[in-house]
Amino acid sequence: MRLTTKSEYALRALAYMLANAKDIPLQIREISKNEGISKFYIEQLFMKMRQAGLIKSIRGPAGGYII
């Protein structure tokens, strides 16, 4: 089965979140830096995943995304 680039990056970001989230929100810039994915591309992916209910966003200075 072939995955699109968009699907591959979304899965990589979700896998990173699962492996590194210790009940704290992860910020996009951390995921971008560690996975080598453009920050702007992750923002687009996370918007769709948030709308689908796969992730949740936390606002504020200590905010980010959680699964």
Protein backbone atom coordinates (compact mmCIF):
# COMPACT_ATOMS: atom_id res chain seq x y z
CA MET A 1 0.00 0.00 0.00
CA ARG A 2 1.34 3.41 -0.93
CA LEU A 3 0.81 6.41 1.29
CA THR A 4 0.66 9.97 0.09
CA THR A 5 3.24 12.39 1.45
CA LYS A 6 0.50 14.07 3.44
CA SER A 7 -0.51 10.75 5.04
CA GLU A 8 3.09 9.83 5.78
CA TYR A 9 3.80 13.15 7.49
CA ALA A 10 0.57 12.98 9.49
CA LEU A 11 1.44 9.48 10.72
CA ARG A 12 5.00 10.54 11.59
CA ALA A 13 3.68 13.50 13.60
CA LEU A 14 1.15 11.30 15.42
CA ALA A 15 3.80 8.67 16.16
CA TYR A 16 6.08 11.36 17.57
CA MET A 17 3.26 12.62 19.76
CA LEU A 18 2.53 9.13 21.06
CA ALA A 19 6.18 8.45 21.83
CA ASN A 20 6.98 11.79 23.46
CA ALA A 21 3.82 13.14 25.06
CA LYS A 22 3.91 12.68 28.81
CA ASP A 23 0.53 14.30 29.56
CA ILE A 24 1.82 17.63 28.30
CA PRO A 25 0.90 19.39 25.07
CA LEU A 26 3.49 19.27 22.31
CA GLN A 27 4.12 22.32 20.20
CA ILE A 28 4.31 22.24 16.43
CA ARG A 29 7.81 23.71 16.34
CA GLU A 30 9.14 20.80 18.46
CA ILE A 31 7.57 18.20 16.19
CA SER A 32 8.77 20.08 13.10
CA LYS A 33 12.35 20.30 14.35
CA ASN A 34 12.59 16.66 15.43
CA GLU A 35 10.77 15.10 12.49
CA GLY A 36 12.12 17.38 9.74
CA ILE A 37 8.67 18.41 8.54
CA SER A 38 7.82 21.99 7.63
CA LYS A 39 6.04 23.85 10.44
CA PHE A 40 3.49 25.24 8.00
CA TYR A 41 2.76 21.78 6.59
CA ILE A 42 2.20 20.36 10.08
CA GLU A 43 -0.18 23.22 10.86
CA GLN A 44 -2.30 22.26 7.83
CA LEU A 45 -2.27 18.59 8.81
CA PHE A 46 -3.13 19.30 12.44
CA MET A 47 -6.06 21.49 11.43
CA LYS A 48 -7.59 18.55 9.57
CA MET A 49 -6.77 16.06 12.34
CA ARG A 50 -8.28 18.39 14.94
CA GLN A 51 -11.48 18.70 12.90
CA ALA A 52 -11.62 14.90 12.63
CA GLY A 53 -11.25 14.57 16.41
CA LEU A 54 -7.88 12.77 16.31
CA ILE A 55 -6.05 15.42 18.32
CA LYS A 56 -6.99 18.30 20.63
CA SER A 57 -5.46 21.73 20.86
CA ILE A 58 -4.62 23.54 24.07
CA ARG A 59 -4.35 27.32 23.90
CA GLY A 60 -2.03 29.60 25.82
CA PRO A 61 1.71 29.96 26.47
CA ALA A 62 2.09 26.34 27.59
CA GLY A 63 -0.31 25.10 24.93
CA GLY A 64 0.11 22.73 22.05
CA TYR A 65 -1.53 19.54 20.85
CA ILE A 66 -2.44 16.34 22.65
CA ILE A 67 -3.83 13.03 21.50
